[in-house]
Amino acid sequence: MPELVYPPVIAAAKTMFRVLDLRLTVEGDHHVPRTGGAVLASNHVSYLDFIFCGLGALESRRLVRFMAKDSVFRHRVSGPLMRGMRHIPVDRRAGADSYAAAVAALRSGEVVGVFPEATISRSFTVKELKSGATRMAREAQVPVLPVALWGTQRLWTKGRPRTLTRRHTPITILVGEPMDPSGYPDPATMTEELRIRLSALVDRAQREYPDQPAAPADRWWLPAHLGGSAPTPQEAAALDADDRRPTTR
């Protein structure tokens, strides 16, 4: 099936990056296999992470099929684009269908993008990971590659206003070495190793990031352990729990 939607979307994104003069740093993209299935497992700090995670596969000339909430596919603007790019809708009430679709895509040689934290990390540290990424990789017998993103939260993240026209923002994309599922006894062990590797990549991206907050009020995008004013992991977990609590009238 010809790719009629994805290439123009990528071209438009690259044009926007140039207009905004985003300072992109991409390392480790040679790890993405040029053929065959693979899972890209990324940390999640921004609503725009799927765009930048996908950049990590362009050097290998791969298009990433991301797993995303089914509500995005029902939106009148994003829906046609998501379907046209053959991303994979995730209905949390029918997760088995989404999982099966991802495994089928991997077996057919696609690269599938997953955010194993499931939701954006308000603390900007790596949360506990869901095991879906490693389970589907084991079932399809394909590698998992950890991907660290940093700087994307400064454009648009949970609880902050969008600053999509912000210029000169550094964005870091680090792709780690592939993890072969056959080297792990079970998904839980592999998921824990993925968390360790992903945390190390994110820590490196944070510590090597070329920008610092311009003023105390600008420290919101740094994690607490680096002197920022972002919630601690414990505080972030409490905020997430409040979001899940049903509202009463």
C-alpha atoms as a PDB file:
ATOM      1  CA  MET A   1       0.000   0.000   0.000  1.00  0.00           C
ATOM      2  CA  PRO A   2       1.536   3.359  -1.016  1.00  0.00           C
ATOM      3  CA  GLU A   3       2.345   5.894   1.691  1.00  0.00           C
ATOM      4  CA  LEU A   4       0.233   8.892   0.661  1.00  0.00           C
ATOM      5  CA  VAL A   5      -0.099  10.652   4.021  1.00  0.00           C
ATOM      6  CA  TYR A   6       3.016   9.998   6.113  1.00  0.00           C
ATOM      7  CA  PRO A   7       5.679  11.573   3.803  1.00  0.00           C
ATOM      8  CA  PRO A   8       3.829  14.921   3.448  1.00  0.00           C
ATOM      9  CA  VAL A   9       3.288  15.044   7.209  1.00  0.00           C
ATOM     10  CA  ILE A  10       7.016  14.471   7.800  1.00  0.00           C
ATOM     11  CA  ALA A  11       7.883  17.180   5.252  1.00  0.00           C
ATOM     12  CA  ALA A  12       5.519  19.629   6.969  1.00  0.00           C
ATOM     13  CA  ALA A  13       7.036  18.815  10.375  1.00  0.00           C
ATOM     14  CA  LYS A  14      10.572  19.369   9.087  1.00  0.00           C
ATOM     15  CA  THR A  15       9.537  22.713   7.617  1.00  0.00           C
ATOM     16  CA  MET A  16       8.072  23.754  10.960  1.00  0.00           C
ATOM     17  CA  PHE A  17      11.270  22.682  12.751  1.00  0.00           C
ATOM     18  CA  ARG A  18      13.290  24.919  10.427  1.00  0.00           C
ATOM     19  CA  VAL A  19      10.921  27.862  10.847  1.00  0.00           C
ATOM     20  CA  LEU A  20      11.121  27.555  14.634  1.00  0.00           C
ATOM     21  CA  ASP A  21      14.866  26.857  14.472  1.00  0.00           C
ATOM     22  CA  LEU A  22      14.536  23.898  16.823  1.00  0.00           C
ATOM     23  CA  ARG A  23      18.009  22.687  17.810  1.00  0.00           C
ATOM     24  CA  LEU A  24      17.656  18.953  17.241  1.00  0.00           C
ATOM     25  CA  THR A  25      20.206  16.487  18.586  1.00  0.00           C
ATOM     26  CA  VAL A  26      19.669  12.911  17.390  1.00  0.00           C
ATOM     27  CA  GLU A  27      22.049  10.158  18.507  1.00  0.00           C
ATOM     28  CA  GLY A  28      21.932   6.395  18.174  1.00  0.00           C
ATOM     29  CA  ASP A  29      19.511   6.405  15.238  1.00  0.00           C
ATOM     30  CA  HIS A  30      21.782   3.889  13.500  1.00  0.00           C
ATOM     31  CA  HIS A  31      20.441   1.317  15.985  1.00  0.00           C
ATOM     32  CA  VAL A  32      17.052   1.294  14.255  1.00  0.00           C
ATOM     33  CA  PRO A  33      17.036  -1.706  11.886  1.00  0.00           C
ATOM     34  CA  ARG A  34      16.593  -0.883   8.203  1.00  0.00           C
ATOM     35  CA  THR A  35      14.364  -3.899   7.689  1.00  0.00           C
ATOM     36  CA  GLY A  36      12.131  -6.045   9.861  1.00  0.00           C
ATOM     37  CA  GLY A  37       9.978  -5.333  12.856  1.00  0.00           C
ATOM     38  CA  ALA A  38      11.086  -3.439  15.952  1.00  0.00           C
ATOM     39  CA  VAL A  39       9.546  -1.692  18.957  1.00  0.00           C
ATOM     40  CA  LEU A  40      10.599   1.858  19.830  1.00  0.00           C
ATOM     41  CA  ALA A  41       9.857   2.334  23.540  1.00  0.00           C
ATOM     42  CA  SER A  42      10.056   6.014  24.492  1.00  0.00           C
ATOM     43  CA  ASN A  43       9.731   8.020  27.673  1.00  0.00           C
ATOM     44  CA  HIS A  44       6.790  10.412  27.673  1.00  0.00           C
ATOM     45  CA  VAL A  45       7.050  14.079  28.710  1.00  0.00           C
ATOM     46  CA  SER A  46       5.058  15.888  26.003  1.00  0.00           C
ATOM     47  CA  TYR A  47       1.980  15.637  23.803  1.00  0.00           C
ATOM     48  CA  LEU A  48       4.366  15.974  20.842  1.00  0.00           C
ATOM     49  CA  ASP A  49       6.633  13.050  21.696  1.00  0.00           C
ATOM     50  CA  PHE A  50       5.391  10.830  18.876  1.00  0.00           C
ATOM     51  CA  ILE A  51       6.645  13.384  16.337  1.00  0.00           C
ATOM     52  CA  PHE A  52      10.145  13.511  17.766  1.00  0.00           C
ATOM     53  CA  CYS A  53      10.393   9.810  18.550  1.00  0.00           C
ATOM     54  CA  GLY A  54       9.601   9.148  14.897  1.00  0.00           C
ATOM     55  CA  LEU A  55      12.580  11.296  13.893  1.00  0.00           C
ATOM     56  CA  GLY A  56      14.816   8.686  15.483  1.00  0.00           C
ATOM     57  CA  ALA A  57      13.876   6.231  12.724  1.00  0.00           C
ATOM     58  CA  LEU A  58      14.275   8.497   9.695  1.00  0.00           C
ATOM     59  CA  GLU A  59      17.999   7.786   9.265  1.00  0.00           C
ATOM     60  CA  SER A  60      17.068   4.131   8.707  1.00  0.00           C
ATOM     61  CA  ARG A  61      14.262   5.203   6.341  1.00  0.00           C
ATOM     62  CA  ARG A  62      11.611   3.693   8.585  1.00  0.00           C
ATOM     63  CA  LEU A  63       8.108   4.991   9.299  1.00  0.00           C
ATOM     64  CA  VAL A  64       6.926   4.361  12.852  1.00  0.00           C
ATOM     65  CA  ARG A  65       3.366   3.190  13.550  1.00  0.00           C
ATOM     66  CA  PHE A  66       2.504   4.618  16.955  1.00  0.00           C
ATOM     67  CA  MET A  67       0.016   3.203  19.414  1.00  0.00           C
ATOM     68  CA  ALA A  68      -2.266   6.066  20.488  1.00  0.00           C
ATOM     69  CA  LYS A  69      -5.577   6.606  22.275  1.00  0.00           C
ATOM     70  CA  ASP A  70      -8.528   5.801  20.065  1.00  0.00           C
ATOM     71  CA  SER A  71     -10.045   9.227  20.817  1.00  0.00           C
ATOM     72  CA  VAL A  72      -7.312  10.794  18.659  1.00  0.00           C
ATOM     73  CA  PHE A  73      -8.536   8.677  15.739  1.00  0.00           C
ATOM     74  CA  ARG A  74     -12.096   9.957  16.219  1.00  0.00           C
ATOM     75  CA  HIS A  75     -11.074  13.626  16.082  1.00  0.00           C
ATOM     76  CA  ARG A  76     -12.190  15.338  12.879  1.00  0.00           C
ATOM     77  CA  VAL A  77      -8.712  16.781  12.190  1.00  0.00           C
ATOM     78  CA  SER A  78      -6.263  14.281  13.632  1.00  0.00           C
ATOM     79  CA  GLY A  79      -8.366  11.207  12.841  1.00  0.00           C
ATOM     80  CA  PRO A  80      -7.849  11.124   9.058  1.00  0.00           C
ATOM     81  CA  LEU A  81      -4.124  11.813   9.531  1.00  0.00           C
ATOM     82  CA  MET A  82      -3.684   9.073  12.134  1.00  0.00           C
ATOM     83  CA  ARG A  83      -5.516   6.545   9.986  1.00  0.00           C
ATOM     84  CA  GLY A  84      -3.630   7.657   6.878  1.00  0.00           C
ATOM     85  CA  MET A  85      -0.299   7.133   8.639  1.00  0.00           C
ATOM     86  CA  ARG A  86      -1.491   3.679   9.773  1.00  0.00           C
ATOM     87  CA  HIS A  87      -1.004   4.313  13.451  1.00  0.00           C
ATOM     88  CA  ILE A  88      -2.632   1.849  15.848  1.00  0.00           C
ATOM     89  CA  PRO A  89      -5.643   2.927  17.942  1.00  0.00           C
ATOM     90  CA  VAL A  90      -5.712   1.833  21.576  1.00  0.00           C
ATOM     91  CA  ASP A  91      -9.081   1.323  23.222  1.00  0.00           C
ATOM     92  CA  ARG A  92      -8.372   0.713  26.893  1.00  0.00           C
ATOM     93  CA  ARG A  93     -11.693  -1.143  27.209  1.00  0.00           C
ATOM     94  CA  ALA A  94     -10.594  -3.570  24.461  1.00  0.00           C
ATOM     95  CA  GLY A  95      -6.834  -3.666  24.871  1.00  0.00           C
ATOM     96  CA  ALA A  96      -6.477  -7.154  23.430  1.00  0.00           C
ATOM     97  CA  ASP A  97      -7.479  -5.942  19.973  1.00  0.00           C
ATOM     98  CA  SER A  98      -4.879  -3.136  20.026  1.00  0.00           C
ATOM     99  CA  TYR A  99      -2.211  -5.531  21.263  1.00  0.00           C
ATOM    100  CA  ALA A 100      -3.025  -8.044  18.514  1.00  0.00           C
ATOM    101  CA  ALA A 101      -2.892  -5.306  15.864  1.00  0.00           C
ATOM    102  CA  ALA A 102       0.548  -4.207  17.099  1.00  0.00           C
ATOM    103  CA  VAL A 103       1.905  -7.767  17.100  1.00  0.00           C
ATOM    104  CA  ALA A 104       0.570  -8.284  13.570  1.00  0.00           C
ATOM    105  CA  ALA A 105       2.271  -5.062  12.430  1.00  0.00           C
ATOM    106  CA  LEU A 106       5.563  -6.170  13.975  1.00  0.00           C
ATOM    107  CA  ARG A 107       5.369  -9.581  12.353  1.00  0.00           C
ATOM    108  CA  SER A 108       4.773  -7.914   8.991  1.00  0.00           C
ATOM    109  CA  GLY A 109       8.011  -5.955   9.413  1.00  0.00           C
ATOM    110  CA  GLU A 110       6.725  -2.644  10.771  1.00  0.00           C
ATOM    111  CA  VAL A 111       8.366  -0.442  13.419  1.00  0.00           C
ATOM    112  CA  VAL A 112       5.866   0.195  16.223  1.00  0.00           C
ATOM    113  CA  GLY A 113       6.198   3.119  18.620  1.00  0.00           C
ATOM    114  CA  VAL A 114       5.083   2.690  22.238  1.00  0.00           C
ATOM    115  CA  PHE A 115       5.075   4.906  25.334  1.00  0.00           C
ATOM    116  CA  PRO A 116       5.283   2.230  28.059  1.00  0.00           C
ATOM    117  CA  GLU A 117       4.660   4.745  30.847  1.00  0.00           C
ATOM    118  CA  ALA A 118       1.140   4.998  29.329  1.00  0.00           C
ATOM    119  CA  THR A 119       0.711   8.662  30.323  1.00  0.00           C
ATOM    120  CA  ILE A 120       2.874  11.771  30.396  1.00  0.00           C
ATOM    121  CA  SER A 121       5.279  11.888  33.335  1.00  0.00           C
ATOM    122  CA  ARG A 122       4.626  15.114  35.252  1.00  0.00           C
ATOM    123  CA  SER A 123       7.852  14.605  37.228  1.00  0.00           C
ATOM    124  CA  PHE A 124       9.867  14.320  33.980  1.00  0.00           C
ATOM    125  CA  THR A 125      11.423  11.134  35.322  1.00  0.00           C
ATOM    126  CA  VAL A 126      10.698   7.622  34.034  1.00  0.00           C
ATOM    127  CA  LYS A 127       7.625   6.151  35.711  1.00  0.00           C
ATOM    128  CA  GLU A 128       6.872   2.473  36.221  1.00  0.00           C
ATOM    129  CA  LEU A 129       6.552   0.823  32.811  1.00  0.00           C
ATOM    130  CA  LYS A 130       3.701  -1.282  31.495  1.00  0.00           C
ATOM    131  CA  SER A 131       4.824  -4.644  30.102  1.00  0.00           C
ATOM    132  CA  GLY A 132       3.017  -4.403  26.760  1.00  0.00           C
ATOM    133  CA  ALA A 133       6.074  -3.258  24.793  1.00  0.00           C
ATOM    134  CA  THR A 134       8.201  -6.205  25.874  1.00  0.00           C
ATOM    135  CA  ARG A 135       5.370  -8.720  25.620  1.00  0.00           C
ATOM    136  CA  MET A 136       4.580  -7.802  22.024  1.00  0.00           C
ATOM    137  CA  ALA A 137       8.278  -7.830  21.118  1.00  0.00           C
ATOM    138  CA  ARG A 138       8.655 -11.340  22.576  1.00  0.00           C
ATOM    139  CA  GLU A 139       5.565 -12.577  20.763  1.00  0.00           C
ATOM    140  CA  ALA A 140       6.673 -11.115  17.423  1.00  0.00           C
ATOM    141  CA  GLN A 141      10.354 -11.982  18.061  1.00  0.00           C
ATOM    142  CA  VAL A 142      11.618  -8.460  17.341  1.00  0.00           C
ATOM    143  CA  PRO A 143      13.992  -6.146  19.271  1.00  0.00           C
ATOM    144  CA  VAL A 144      13.010  -3.331  21.623  1.00  0.00           C
ATOM    145  CA  LEU A 145      14.918  -0.038  21.406  1.00  0.00           C
ATOM    146  CA  PRO A 146      14.697   2.452  24.300  1.00  0.00           C
ATOM    147  CA  VAL A 147      14.282   6.073  23.150  1.00  0.00           C
ATOM    148  CA  ALA A 148      14.886   9.085  25.405  1.00  0.00           C
ATOM    149  CA  LEU A 149      13.300  12.443  24.579  1.00  0.00           C
ATOM    150  CA  TRP A 150      14.082  15.696  26.338  1.00  0.00           C
ATOM    151  CA  GLY A 151      13.126  19.317  25.714  1.00  0.00           C
ATOM    152  CA  THR A 152       9.793  18.441  24.127  1.00  0.00           C
ATOM    153  CA  GLN A 153       7.997  19.282  27.388  1.00  0.00           C
ATOM    154  CA  ARG A 154       8.936  22.931  26.874  1.00  0.00           C
ATOM    155  CA  LEU A 155       6.640  23.048  23.831  1.00  0.00           C
ATOM    156  CA  TRP A 156       3.546  21.309  25.220  1.00  0.00           C
ATOM    157  CA  THR A 157       3.052  19.143  28.278  1.00  0.00           C
ATOM    158  CA  LYS A 158       0.393  18.280  30.804  1.00  0.00           C
ATOM    159  CA  GLY A 159      -0.692  21.154  33.022  1.00  0.00           C
ATOM    160  CA  ARG A 160       1.166  23.843  31.068  1.00  0.00           C
ATOM    161  CA  PRO A 161       0.026  26.178  28.264  1.00  0.00           C
ATOM    162  CA  ARG A 162       1.023  25.256  24.730  1.00  0.00           C
ATOM    163  CA  THR A 163       4.024  27.149  23.356  1.00  0.00           C
ATOM    164  CA  LEU A 164       4.096  25.589  19.903  1.00  0.00           C
ATOM    165  CA  THR A 165       5.679  28.685  18.346  1.00  0.00           C
ATOM    166  CA  ARG A 166       8.572  28.752  20.805  1.00  0.00           C
ATOM    167  CA  ARG A 167      11.803  29.280  18.879  1.00  0.00           C
ATOM    168  CA  HIS A 168      15.362  27.960  19.273  1.00  0.00           C
ATOM    169  CA  THR A 169      14.358  25.197  21.707  1.00  0.00           C
ATOM    170  CA  PRO A 170      16.890  22.351  22.009  1.00  0.00           C
ATOM    171  CA  ILE A 171      15.317  18.908  21.543  1.00  0.00           C
ATOM    172  CA  THR A 172      17.299  15.753  22.373  1.00  0.00           C
ATOM    173  CA  ILE A 173      16.524  12.324  20.890  1.00  0.00           C
ATOM    174  CA  LEU A 174      18.671   9.392  22.064  1.00  0.00           C
ATOM    175  CA  VAL A 175      18.100   5.900  20.662  1.00  0.00           C
ATOM    176  CA  GLY A 176      19.564   3.091  22.731  1.00  0.00           C
ATOM    177  CA  GLU A 177      20.935  -0.278  21.688  1.00  0.00           C
ATOM    178  CA  PRO A 178      18.412  -2.971  20.702  1.00  0.00           C
ATOM    179  CA  MET A 179      17.262  -5.413  23.360  1.00  0.00           C
ATOM    180  CA  ASP A 180      16.800  -8.968  22.075  1.00  0.00           C
ATOM    181  CA  PRO A 181      13.807 -10.629  23.780  1.00  0.00           C
ATOM    182  CA  SER A 182      15.512 -14.035  23.612  1.00  0.00           C
ATOM    183  CA  GLY A 183      18.048 -12.779  26.152  1.00  0.00           C
ATOM    184  CA  TYR A 184      15.449 -12.418  28.928  1.00  0.00           C
ATOM    185  CA  PRO A 185      13.570 -15.174  30.767  1.00  0.00           C
ATOM    186  CA  ASP A 186      10.232 -13.351  30.915  1.00  0.00           C
ATOM    187  CA  PRO A 187       8.531 -10.017  30.068  1.00  0.00           C
ATOM    188  CA  ALA A 188       8.814  -8.716  33.647  1.00  0.00           C
ATOM    189  CA  THR A 189      12.608  -9.070  33.654  1.00  0.00           C
ATOM    190  CA  MET A 190      12.891  -7.458  30.248  1.00  0.00           C
ATOM    191  CA  THR A 191      10.556  -4.609  31.276  1.00  0.00           C
ATOM    192  CA  GLU A 192      12.693  -3.867  34.332  1.00  0.00           C
ATOM    193  CA  GLU A 193      15.841  -3.837  32.187  1.00  0.00           C
ATOM    194  CA  LEU A 194      14.070  -1.523  29.733  1.00  0.00           C
ATOM    195  CA  ARG A 195      13.219   0.840  32.600  1.00  0.00           C
ATOM    196  CA  ILE A 196      16.859   0.862  33.739  1.00  0.00           C
ATOM    197  CA  ARG A 197      18.165   1.562  30.239  1.00  0.00           C
ATOM    198  CA  LEU A 198      15.514   4.185  29.515  1.00  0.00           C
ATOM    199  CA  SER A 199      16.170   5.947  32.825  1.00  0.00           C
ATOM    200  CA  ALA A 200      19.910   6.052  32.072  1.00  0.00           C
ATOM    201  CA  LEU A 201      19.279   7.564  28.628  1.00  0.00           C
ATOM    202  CA  VAL A 202      16.860  10.152  30.018  1.00  0.00           C
ATOM    203  CA  ASP A 203      19.317  11.045  32.788  1.00  0.00           C
ATOM    204  CA  ARG A 204      22.052  11.545  30.199  1.00  0.00           C
ATOM    205  CA  ALA A 205      19.785  13.686  28.005  1.00  0.00           C
ATOM    206  CA  GLN A 206      18.861  15.866  30.990  1.00  0.00           C
ATOM    207  CA  ARG A 207      22.410  16.357  32.222  1.00  0.00           C
ATOM    208  CA  GLU A 208      23.837  17.098  28.759  1.00  0.00           C
ATOM    209  CA  TYR A 209      21.005  19.423  27.741  1.00  0.00           C
ATOM    210  CA  PRO A 210      22.466  22.728  26.493  1.00  0.00           C
ATOM    211  CA  ASP A 211      19.859  25.064  28.070  1.00  0.00           C
ATOM    212  CA  GLN A 212      19.186  26.086  31.643  1.00  0.00           C
ATOM    213  CA  PRO A 213      16.142  27.908  33.062  1.00  0.00           C
ATOM    214  CA  ALA A 214      16.282  31.632  32.354  1.00  0.00           C
ATOM    215  CA  ALA A 215      14.682  32.554  35.703  1.00  0.00           C
ATOM    216  CA  PRO A 216      13.319  30.828  38.819  1.00  0.00           C
ATOM    217  CA  ALA A 217       9.832  30.757  37.284  1.00  0.00           C
ATOM    218  CA  ASP A 218      11.272  28.889  34.315  1.00  0.00           C
ATOM    219  CA  ARG A 219      12.465  25.952  36.412  1.00  0.00           C
ATOM    220  CA  TRP A 220       9.178  24.108  35.913  1.00  0.00           C
ATOM    221  CA  TRP A 221      10.593  21.989  33.056  1.00  0.00           C
ATOM    222  CA  LEU A 222      13.415  20.531  35.167  1.00  0.00           C
ATOM    223  CA  PRO A 223      12.859  17.501  37.441  1.00  0.00           C
ATOM    224  CA  ALA A 224      13.064  18.109  41.187  1.00  0.00           C
ATOM    225  CA  HIS A 225      16.272  16.089  41.609  1.00  0.00           C
ATOM    226  CA  LEU A 226      18.042  18.498  39.226  1.00  0.00           C
ATOM    227  CA  GLY A 227      16.831  21.582  41.078  1.00  0.00           C
ATOM    228  CA  GLY A 228      13.651  22.079  39.061  1.00  0.00           C
ATOM    229  CA  SER A 229      10.160  22.838  40.308  1.00  0.00           C
ATOM    230  CA  ALA A 230       8.461  19.895  38.594  1.00  0.00           C
ATOM    231  CA  PRO A 231       6.569  17.593  40.987  1.00  0.00           C
ATOM    232  CA  THR A 232       8.537  14.797  42.599  1.00  0.00           C
ATOM    233  CA  PRO A 233       7.594  11.296  41.383  1.00  0.00           C
ATOM    234  CA  GLN A 234       5.478  10.849  44.531  1.00  0.00           C
ATOM    235  CA  GLU A 235       3.695  14.177  44.020  1.00  0.00           C
ATOM    236  CA  ALA A 236       3.162  13.367  40.333  1.00  0.00           C
ATOM    237  CA  ALA A 237       1.638   9.996  41.232  1.00  0.00           C
ATOM    238  CA  ALA A 238      -0.821  11.750  43.554  1.00  0.00           C
ATOM    239  CA  LEU A 239      -1.785  14.177  40.778  1.00  0.00           C
ATOM    240  CA  ASP A 240      -2.325  11.271  38.380  1.00  0.00           C
ATOM    241  CA  ALA A 241      -4.520   9.556  40.968  1.00  0.00           C
ATOM    242  CA  ASP A 242      -6.616  12.728  41.288  1.00  0.00           C
ATOM    243  CA  ASP A 243      -7.078  12.771  37.507  1.00  0.00           C
ATOM    244  CA  ARG A 244      -8.409   9.202  37.581  1.00  0.00           C
ATOM    245  CA  ARG A 245     -10.813   9.891  40.454  1.00  0.00           C
ATOM    246  CA  PRO A 246     -14.388  10.379  39.192  1.00  0.00           C
ATOM    247  CA  THR A 247     -15.799  13.854  39.673  1.00  0.00           C
ATOM    248  CA  THR A 248     -18.996  14.425  41.592  1.00  0.00           C
ATOM    249  CA  ARG A 249     -21.554  17.138  41.066  1.00  0.00           C
END
